[in-house]
Amino acid sequence: MADKIVPKKILVVEDDQDIAHLLQIHLSDLSYDVSITGNGEAGWQLANEQHFDLIILDLMLPGLDGLEVCRRLRHASVHTPILMLTAKSSELDRVLGLELGADDYLTKPFSLTELQARVKAILRRVELSSRPATDSQTETITVNSLIIEPARRTVSIAGDEVELTATEFDLLLHFARNPGRVYSRTQLLDQVWGYGHDGYEHTVNSHINRLRKKIEKDPANADYILTVWGVGYKFIKPRLQQAG
């Protein structure tokens, strides 16, 4: 008898009931198990106490807003991917949300097709990261005091483990496996996030800022993830050890 496929669980935290139910209908059509709440406090409690594969979180919530929900979840080491829903005018809040640990965002109004594609990309990335890797994919990467262990999905600096979200780890690993190669923000969106879309470069910028704060001695003068002005970013290319 074949194993029963367990549907992915998605929590929608959105106070606009029409939008919330529309999301529930269209995500359920993709065979996801969707729960909804219109309250930030309830969303925080549900996400902290139950397992979800993805949280779709509106920033503008009554009482406990989306930024505070995101901050609390990451502070509690809940690393469930978070897709933020933001207004076009809330660029500062959007950046703050990404800096607090959100994985991605969509600006309202958005098409349901785009939302479905974004949800699929996030869940696909998480699923791929959990699959057994080949020997070459599990080799430990060591650069100076930075150690990345793909098999365990852990990172340490000078022996101290660094806590990363799934997306932060995927981004760092992508860079470390391709040292010296320069990537534009659009290329990183396509190759790490799984889509390319103009106007969402904040996602890349904020994740790199967060990574630098966690792995660099001085984030303003990075040793590992370097800025190539006018182009994008690259990971330091390890120096070859000289014989003798």
C-alpha atoms as a PDB file:
ATOM      1  CA  MET A   1       0.000   0.000   0.000  1.00  0.00           C
ATOM      2  CA  ALA A   2       1.437   3.355  -1.048  1.00  0.00           C
ATOM      3  CA  ASP A   3       2.289   5.882   1.639  1.00  0.00           C
ATOM      4  CA  LYS A   4      -0.276   8.611   2.015  1.00  0.00           C
ATOM      5  CA  ILE A   5       0.987  11.989   0.814  1.00  0.00           C
ATOM      6  CA  VAL A   6       0.674  14.533   3.596  1.00  0.00           C
ATOM      7  CA  PRO A   7      -0.335  17.954   2.212  1.00  0.00           C
ATOM      8  CA  LYS A   8       1.837  20.961   2.973  1.00  0.00           C
ATOM      9  CA  LYS A   9       0.397  23.138   5.728  1.00  0.00           C
ATOM     10  CA  ILE A  10       0.109  26.889   5.135  1.00  0.00           C
ATOM     11  CA  LEU A  11      -0.932  29.514   7.680  1.00  0.00           C
ATOM     12  CA  VAL A  12      -2.474  32.710   6.258  1.00  0.00           C
ATOM     13  CA  VAL A  13      -2.457  35.674   8.676  1.00  0.00           C
ATOM     14  CA  GLU A  14      -4.593  38.330   6.942  1.00  0.00           C
ATOM     15  CA  ASP A  15      -7.239  40.588   8.494  1.00  0.00           C
ATOM     16  CA  ASP A  16      -9.038  41.295   5.198  1.00  0.00           C
ATOM     17  CA  GLN A  17     -11.501  38.380   5.192  1.00  0.00           C
ATOM     18  CA  ASP A  18     -12.136  38.566   1.451  1.00  0.00           C
ATOM     19  CA  ILE A  19      -8.413  38.295   0.650  1.00  0.00           C
ATOM     20  CA  ALA A  20      -7.885  35.587   3.289  1.00  0.00           C
ATOM     21  CA  HIS A  21     -10.674  33.377   1.961  1.00  0.00           C
ATOM     22  CA  LEU A  22      -9.587  33.974  -1.634  1.00  0.00           C
ATOM     23  CA  LEU A  23      -6.086  32.787  -0.721  1.00  0.00           C
ATOM     24  CA  GLN A  24      -7.528  29.807   1.125  1.00  0.00           C
ATOM     25  CA  ILE A  25      -9.581  28.762  -1.914  1.00  0.00           C
ATOM     26  CA  HIS A  26      -6.773  29.118  -4.468  1.00  0.00           C
ATOM     27  CA  LEU A  27      -4.112  27.481  -2.295  1.00  0.00           C
ATOM     28  CA  SER A  28      -6.468  24.648  -1.382  1.00  0.00           C
ATOM     29  CA  ASP A  29      -6.912  24.104  -5.136  1.00  0.00           C
ATOM     30  CA  LEU A  30      -3.183  23.235  -5.150  1.00  0.00           C
ATOM     31  CA  SER A  31      -3.847  20.576  -2.468  1.00  0.00           C
ATOM     32  CA  TYR A  32      -2.371  22.591   0.398  1.00  0.00           C
ATOM     33  CA  ASP A  33      -3.861  22.418   3.886  1.00  0.00           C
ATOM     34  CA  VAL A  34      -4.654  26.078   4.603  1.00  0.00           C
ATOM     35  CA  SER A  35      -5.472  27.674   7.965  1.00  0.00           C
ATOM     36  CA  ILE A  36      -6.441  31.343   8.250  1.00  0.00           C
ATOM     37  CA  THR A  37      -6.583  33.912  11.017  1.00  0.00           C
ATOM     38  CA  GLY A  38      -7.108  37.648  10.889  1.00  0.00           C
ATOM     39  CA  ASN A  39      -5.357  38.398  14.163  1.00  0.00           C
ATOM     40  CA  GLY A  40      -1.636  38.920  14.664  1.00  0.00           C
ATOM     41  CA  GLU A  41      -1.621  37.562  18.210  1.00  0.00           C
ATOM     42  CA  ALA A  42      -3.460  34.411  17.106  1.00  0.00           C
ATOM     43  CA  GLY A  43      -1.119  34.056  14.133  1.00  0.00           C
ATOM     44  CA  TRP A  44       1.920  34.245  16.411  1.00  0.00           C
ATOM     45  CA  GLN A  45       0.484  31.645  18.786  1.00  0.00           C
ATOM     46  CA  LEU A  46      -0.468  29.242  15.989  1.00  0.00           C
ATOM     47  CA  ALA A  47       2.889  29.551  14.226  1.00  0.00           C
ATOM     48  CA  ASN A  48       4.807  29.115  17.463  1.00  0.00           C
ATOM     49  CA  GLU A  49       2.835  26.108  18.725  1.00  0.00           C
ATOM     50  CA  GLN A  50       2.036  24.183  15.534  1.00  0.00           C
ATOM     51  CA  HIS A  51       4.035  23.025  12.524  1.00  0.00           C
ATOM     52  CA  PHE A  52       3.466  24.861   9.251  1.00  0.00           C
ATOM     53  CA  ASP A  53       5.448  24.598   6.025  1.00  0.00           C
ATOM     54  CA  LEU A  54       4.821  28.244   5.118  1.00  0.00           C
ATOM     55  CA  ILE A  55       3.365  31.379   6.718  1.00  0.00           C
ATOM     56  CA  ILE A  56       1.739  34.037   4.531  1.00  0.00           C
ATOM     57  CA  LEU A  57       1.810  37.127   6.716  1.00  0.00           C
ATOM     58  CA  ASP A  58       0.176  40.491   6.088  1.00  0.00           C
ATOM     59  CA  LEU A  59       2.151  43.387   7.554  1.00  0.00           C
ATOM     60  CA  MET A  60      -0.811  45.633   8.338  1.00  0.00           C
ATOM     61  CA  LEU A  61      -2.624  43.728  11.089  1.00  0.00           C
ATOM     62  CA  PRO A  62      -4.641  45.132  13.998  1.00  0.00           C
ATOM     63  CA  GLY A  63      -2.957  44.881  17.395  1.00  0.00           C
ATOM     64  CA  LEU A  64       0.153  42.784  16.851  1.00  0.00           C
ATOM     65  CA  ASP A  65       1.354  43.749  13.368  1.00  0.00           C
ATOM     66  CA  GLY A  66       3.178  41.542  10.912  1.00  0.00           C
ATOM     67  CA  LEU A  67       6.606  42.959  11.730  1.00  0.00           C
ATOM     68  CA  GLU A  68       6.207  42.055  15.398  1.00  0.00           C
ATOM     69  CA  VAL A  69       4.880  38.582  14.525  1.00  0.00           C
ATOM     70  CA  CYS A  70       7.923  38.007  12.303  1.00  0.00           C
ATOM     71  CA  ARG A  71      10.317  39.322  14.971  1.00  0.00           C
ATOM     72  CA  ARG A  72       8.828  37.101  17.680  1.00  0.00           C
ATOM     73  CA  LEU A  73       8.925  33.983  15.519  1.00  0.00           C
ATOM     74  CA  ARG A  74      12.555  34.425  14.556  1.00  0.00           C
ATOM     75  CA  HIS A  75      13.488  35.294  18.158  1.00  0.00           C
ATOM     76  CA  ALA A  76      11.820  32.027  19.216  1.00  0.00           C
ATOM     77  CA  SER A  77      13.909  30.179  16.579  1.00  0.00           C
ATOM     78  CA  VAL A  78      10.861  29.358  14.479  1.00  0.00           C
ATOM     79  CA  HIS A  79      12.393  29.206  10.996  1.00  0.00           C
ATOM     80  CA  THR A  80       9.241  28.451   9.009  1.00  0.00           C
ATOM     81  CA  PRO A  81       9.465  30.361   5.686  1.00  0.00           C
ATOM     82  CA  ILE A  82       7.511  33.639   5.781  1.00  0.00           C
ATOM     83  CA  LEU A  83       5.999  35.283   2.698  1.00  0.00           C
ATOM     84  CA  MET A  84       4.980  38.849   3.545  1.00  0.00           C
ATOM     85  CA  LEU A  85       2.092  40.699   1.957  1.00  0.00           C
ATOM     86  CA  THR A  86       2.748  44.447   1.857  1.00  0.00           C
ATOM     87  CA  ALA A  87       1.249  47.629   0.456  1.00  0.00           C
ATOM     88  CA  LYS A  88       3.060  49.340  -2.415  1.00  0.00           C
ATOM     89  CA  SER A  89       3.705  52.398  -0.225  1.00  0.00           C
ATOM     90  CA  SER A  90       5.290  50.486   2.667  1.00  0.00           C
ATOM     91  CA  GLU A  91       8.847  50.132   1.348  1.00  0.00           C
ATOM     92  CA  LEU A  92      10.419  50.786   4.758  1.00  0.00           C
ATOM     93  CA  ASP A  93       8.239  48.158   6.447  1.00  0.00           C
ATOM     94  CA  ARG A  94       9.016  45.742   3.618  1.00  0.00           C
ATOM     95  CA  VAL A  95      12.765  46.141   4.168  1.00  0.00           C
ATOM     96  CA  LEU A  96      12.314  45.893   7.938  1.00  0.00           C
ATOM     97  CA  GLY A  97      10.339  42.678   7.507  1.00  0.00           C
ATOM     98  CA  LEU A  98      13.094  41.138   5.417  1.00  0.00           C
ATOM     99  CA  GLU A  99      15.724  42.296   7.902  1.00  0.00           C
ATOM    100  CA  LEU A 100      13.731  40.665  10.710  1.00  0.00           C
ATOM    101  CA  GLY A 101      13.791  37.325   8.936  1.00  0.00           C
ATOM    102  CA  ALA A 102      11.015  37.125   6.332  1.00  0.00           C
ATOM    103  CA  ASP A 103      11.987  35.036   3.295  1.00  0.00           C
ATOM    104  CA  ASP A 104      10.114  36.903   0.592  1.00  0.00           C
ATOM    105  CA  TYR A 105       7.356  39.434  -0.058  1.00  0.00           C
ATOM    106  CA  LEU A 106       4.568  40.318  -2.461  1.00  0.00           C
ATOM    107  CA  THR A 107       3.156  43.794  -2.892  1.00  0.00           C
ATOM    108  CA  LYS A 108      -0.594  44.346  -3.059  1.00  0.00           C
ATOM    109  CA  PRO A 109      -2.386  44.181  -5.380  1.00  0.00           C
ATOM    110  CA  PHE A 110      -0.915  40.941  -6.695  1.00  0.00           C
ATOM    111  CA  SER A 111      -2.213  38.299  -9.082  1.00  0.00           C
ATOM    112  CA  LEU A 112      -3.262  34.970  -7.618  1.00  0.00           C
ATOM    113  CA  THR A 113      -1.188  33.246 -10.294  1.00  0.00           C
ATOM    114  CA  GLU A 114       1.915  35.074  -9.081  1.00  0.00           C
ATOM    115  CA  LEU A 115       1.140  34.207  -5.464  1.00  0.00           C
ATOM    116  CA  GLN A 116       0.682  30.530  -6.332  1.00  0.00           C
ATOM    117  CA  ALA A 117       3.975  30.526  -8.233  1.00  0.00           C
ATOM    118  CA  ARG A 118       5.778  32.197  -5.318  1.00  0.00           C
ATOM    119  CA  VAL A 119       4.346  29.694  -2.819  1.00  0.00           C
ATOM    120  CA  LYS A 120       5.368  26.768  -5.040  1.00  0.00           C
ATOM    121  CA  ALA A 121       8.908  28.170  -5.383  1.00  0.00           C
ATOM    122  CA  ILE A 122       9.351  28.568  -1.616  1.00  0.00           C
ATOM    123  CA  LEU A 123       8.018  25.097  -0.808  1.00  0.00           C
ATOM    124  CA  ARG A 124      10.051  23.520  -3.615  1.00  0.00           C
ATOM    125  CA  ARG A 125      13.223  25.142  -2.283  1.00  0.00           C
ATOM    126  CA  VAL A 126      12.547  23.844   1.219  1.00  0.00           C
ATOM    127  CA  GLU A 127      11.822  20.355  -0.112  1.00  0.00           C
ATOM    128  CA  LEU A 128      15.023  20.274  -2.178  1.00  0.00           C
ATOM    129  CA  SER A 129      17.074  21.358   0.828  1.00  0.00           C
ATOM    130  CA  SER A 130      15.729  18.423   2.849  1.00  0.00           C
ATOM    131  CA  ARG A 131      16.544  15.738   0.272  1.00  0.00           C
ATOM    132  CA  PRO A 132      19.597  13.486   0.688  1.00  0.00           C
ATOM    133  CA  ALA A 133      22.562  14.999  -1.130  1.00  0.00           C
ATOM    134  CA  THR A 134      25.278  13.347  -3.193  1.00  0.00           C
ATOM    135  CA  ASP A 135      28.799  12.972  -1.784  1.00  0.00           C
ATOM    136  CA  SER A 136      30.039  16.013  -3.707  1.00  0.00           C
ATOM    137  CA  GLN A 137      27.127  18.065  -2.394  1.00  0.00           C
ATOM    138  CA  THR A 138      27.816  17.122   1.231  1.00  0.00           C
ATOM    139  CA  GLU A 139      31.512  18.000   1.282  1.00  0.00           C
ATOM    140  CA  THR A 140      32.386  20.459   4.036  1.00  0.00           C
ATOM    141  CA  ILE A 141      33.402  23.891   2.782  1.00  0.00           C
ATOM    142  CA  THR A 142      36.063  25.713   4.817  1.00  0.00           C
ATOM    143  CA  VAL A 143      37.118  29.273   4.081  1.00  0.00           C
ATOM    144  CA  ASN A 144      39.288  30.903   6.742  1.00  0.00           C
ATOM    145  CA  SER A 145      37.294  30.529   9.985  1.00  0.00           C
ATOM    146  CA  LEU A 146      33.995  29.893   8.164  1.00  0.00           C
ATOM    147  CA  ILE A 147      32.870  26.255   8.010  1.00  0.00           C
ATOM    148  CA  ILE A 148      29.774  25.173   6.065  1.00  0.00           C
ATOM    149  CA  GLU A 149      28.502  21.602   6.463  1.00  0.00           C
ATOM    150  CA  PRO A 150      25.846  20.994   3.774  1.00  0.00           C
ATOM    151  CA  ALA A 151      24.890  17.526   5.052  1.00  0.00           C
ATOM    152  CA  ARG A 152      23.963  18.942   8.470  1.00  0.00           C
ATOM    153  CA  ARG A 153      22.973  22.364   7.088  1.00  0.00           C
ATOM    154  CA  THR A 154      25.099  24.062   9.720  1.00  0.00           C
ATOM    155  CA  VAL A 155      27.473  27.016   9.635  1.00  0.00           C
ATOM    156  CA  SER A 156      30.118  27.987  12.157  1.00  0.00           C
ATOM    157  CA  ILE A 157      32.572  30.847  12.556  1.00  0.00           C
ATOM    158  CA  ALA A 158      35.723  30.195  14.600  1.00  0.00           C
ATOM    159  CA  GLY A 159      34.000  27.200  16.173  1.00  0.00           C
ATOM    160  CA  ASP A 160      30.802  29.042  17.112  1.00  0.00           C
ATOM    161  CA  GLU A 161      27.646  27.822  15.346  1.00  0.00           C
ATOM    162  CA  VAL A 162      25.708  30.492  13.457  1.00  0.00           C
ATOM    163  CA  GLU A 163      21.922  30.253  13.346  1.00  0.00           C
ATOM    164  CA  LEU A 164      20.601  30.792   9.816  1.00  0.00           C
ATOM    165  CA  THR A 165      17.166  30.558   8.271  1.00  0.00           C
ATOM    166  CA  ALA A 166      16.703  28.033   5.449  1.00  0.00           C
ATOM    167  CA  THR A 167      16.921  30.774   2.822  1.00  0.00           C
ATOM    168  CA  GLU A 168      20.002  32.367   4.386  1.00  0.00           C
ATOM    169  CA  PHE A 169      21.728  28.983   4.384  1.00  0.00           C
ATOM    170  CA  ASP A 170      20.767  28.282   0.755  1.00  0.00           C
ATOM    171  CA  LEU A 171      22.076  31.697  -0.307  1.00  0.00           C
ATOM    172  CA  LEU A 172      25.386  31.274   1.546  1.00  0.00           C
ATOM    173  CA  LEU A 173      25.859  27.750   0.199  1.00  0.00           C
ATOM    174  CA  HIS A 174      25.170  28.911  -3.356  1.00  0.00           C
ATOM    175  CA  PHE A 175      27.840  31.591  -3.014  1.00  0.00           C
ATOM    176  CA  ALA A 176      30.371  29.267  -1.333  1.00  0.00           C
ATOM    177  CA  ARG A 177      29.996  26.593  -4.023  1.00  0.00           C
ATOM    178  CA  ASN A 178      30.762  29.203  -6.688  1.00  0.00           C
ATOM    179  CA  PRO A 179      33.618  31.300  -5.240  1.00  0.00           C
ATOM    180  CA  GLY A 180      34.712  34.274  -7.276  1.00  0.00           C
ATOM    181  CA  ARG A 181      31.671  34.207  -9.542  1.00  0.00           C
ATOM    182  CA  VAL A 182      29.736  37.473  -9.679  1.00  0.00           C
ATOM    183  CA  TYR A 183      25.943  37.274  -9.439  1.00  0.00           C
ATOM    184  CA  SER A 184      23.430  40.004 -10.129  1.00  0.00           C
ATOM    185  CA  ARG A 185      20.411  40.305  -7.841  1.00  0.00           C
ATOM    186  CA  THR A 186      18.178  38.999 -10.620  1.00  0.00           C
ATOM    187  CA  GLN A 187      20.387  35.925 -11.073  1.00  0.00           C
ATOM    188  CA  LEU A 188      20.269  35.223  -7.336  1.00  0.00           C
ATOM    189  CA  LEU A 189      16.480  35.544  -7.304  1.00  0.00           C
ATOM    190  CA  ASP A 190      16.293  33.041 -10.128  1.00  0.00           C
ATOM    191  CA  GLN A 191      18.875  30.562  -8.832  1.00  0.00           C
ATOM    192  CA  VAL A 192      18.238  30.679  -5.063  1.00  0.00           C
ATOM    193  CA  TRP A 193      14.627  31.803  -4.708  1.00  0.00           C
ATOM    194  CA  GLY A 194      13.478  30.017  -7.846  1.00  0.00           C
ATOM    195  CA  TYR A 195      12.009  32.943  -9.764  1.00  0.00           C
ATOM    196  CA  GLY A 196      13.041  36.187 -11.392  1.00  0.00           C
ATOM    197  CA  HIS A 197      10.881  39.270 -11.034  1.00  0.00           C
ATOM    198  CA  ASP A 198      11.758  42.935 -11.429  1.00  0.00           C
ATOM    199  CA  GLY A 199      11.159  45.033  -8.346  1.00  0.00           C
ATOM    200  CA  TYR A 200      11.977  42.350  -5.769  1.00  0.00           C
ATOM    201  CA  GLU A 201      15.717  43.019  -5.439  1.00  0.00           C
ATOM    202  CA  HIS A 202      15.103  44.099  -1.817  1.00  0.00           C
ATOM    203  CA  THR A 203      14.755  40.399  -1.036  1.00  0.00           C
ATOM    204  CA  VAL A 204      18.360  39.742  -2.093  1.00  0.00           C
ATOM    205  CA  ASN A 205      19.778  42.890  -0.492  1.00  0.00           C
ATOM    206  CA  SER A 206      18.161  42.196   2.862  1.00  0.00           C
ATOM    207  CA  HIS A 207      19.253  38.554   2.977  1.00  0.00           C
ATOM    208  CA  ILE A 208      22.840  39.510   2.188  1.00  0.00           C
ATOM    209  CA  ASN A 209      22.722  42.195   4.889  1.00  0.00           C
ATOM    210  CA  ARG A 210      21.486  39.606   7.382  1.00  0.00           C
ATOM    211  CA  LEU A 211      24.120  37.089   6.352  1.00  0.00           C
ATOM    212  CA  ARG A 212      26.870  39.659   6.725  1.00  0.00           C
ATOM    213  CA  LYS A 213      25.707  40.551  10.228  1.00  0.00           C
ATOM    214  CA  LYS A 214      25.920  36.878  11.175  1.00  0.00           C
ATOM    215  CA  ILE A 215      29.174  35.775   9.528  1.00  0.00           C
ATOM    216  CA  GLU A 216      31.310  38.896   9.076  1.00  0.00           C
ATOM    217  CA  LYS A 217      33.503  40.495  11.751  1.00  0.00           C
ATOM    218  CA  ASP A 218      32.691  43.872  10.213  1.00  0.00           C
ATOM    219  CA  PRO A 219      29.601  43.777   7.955  1.00  0.00           C
ATOM    220  CA  ALA A 220      30.597  47.141   6.445  1.00  0.00           C
ATOM    221  CA  ASN A 221      33.939  45.666   5.324  1.00  0.00           C
ATOM    222  CA  ALA A 222      32.986  42.124   4.345  1.00  0.00           C
ATOM    223  CA  ASP A 223      35.537  39.317   4.157  1.00  0.00           C
ATOM    224  CA  TYR A 224      33.294  36.673   2.568  1.00  0.00           C
ATOM    225  CA  ILE A 225      30.368  38.124   0.596  1.00  0.00           C
ATOM    226  CA  LEU A 226      31.792  40.980  -1.431  1.00  0.00           C
ATOM    227  CA  THR A 227      29.941  43.726  -3.303  1.00  0.00           C
ATOM    228  CA  VAL A 228      30.855  44.220  -6.953  1.00  0.00           C
ATOM    229  CA  TRP A 229      29.650  47.754  -7.511  1.00  0.00           C
ATOM    230  CA  GLY A 230      27.210  48.178 -10.360  1.00  0.00           C
ATOM    231  CA  VAL A 231      26.937  44.415 -10.893  1.00  0.00           C
ATOM    232  CA  GLY A 232      26.057  42.434  -7.780  1.00  0.00           C
ATOM    233  CA  TYR A 233      27.851  40.182  -5.298  1.00  0.00           C
ATOM    234  CA  LYS A 234      30.466  37.446  -5.166  1.00  0.00           C
ATOM    235  CA  PHE A 235      31.938  35.085  -2.587  1.00  0.00           C
ATOM    236  CA  ILE A 236      35.634  35.351  -1.758  1.00  0.00           C
ATOM    237  CA  LYS A 237      37.839  33.005  -3.771  1.00  0.00           C
ATOM    238  CA  PRO A 238      40.083  31.084  -1.348  1.00  0.00           C
ATOM    239  CA  ARG A 239      43.807  31.672  -1.823  1.00  0.00           C
ATOM    240  CA  LEU A 240      45.769  28.611  -2.895  1.00  0.00           C
ATOM    241  CA  GLN A 241      48.214  27.386  -0.276  1.00  0.00           C
ATOM    242  CA  GLN A 242      51.824  27.768  -1.465  1.00  0.00           C
ATOM    243  CA  ALA A 243      53.998  24.675  -1.256  1.00  0.00           C
ATOM    244  CA  GLY A 244      57.045  24.712   1.010  1.00  0.00           C
END
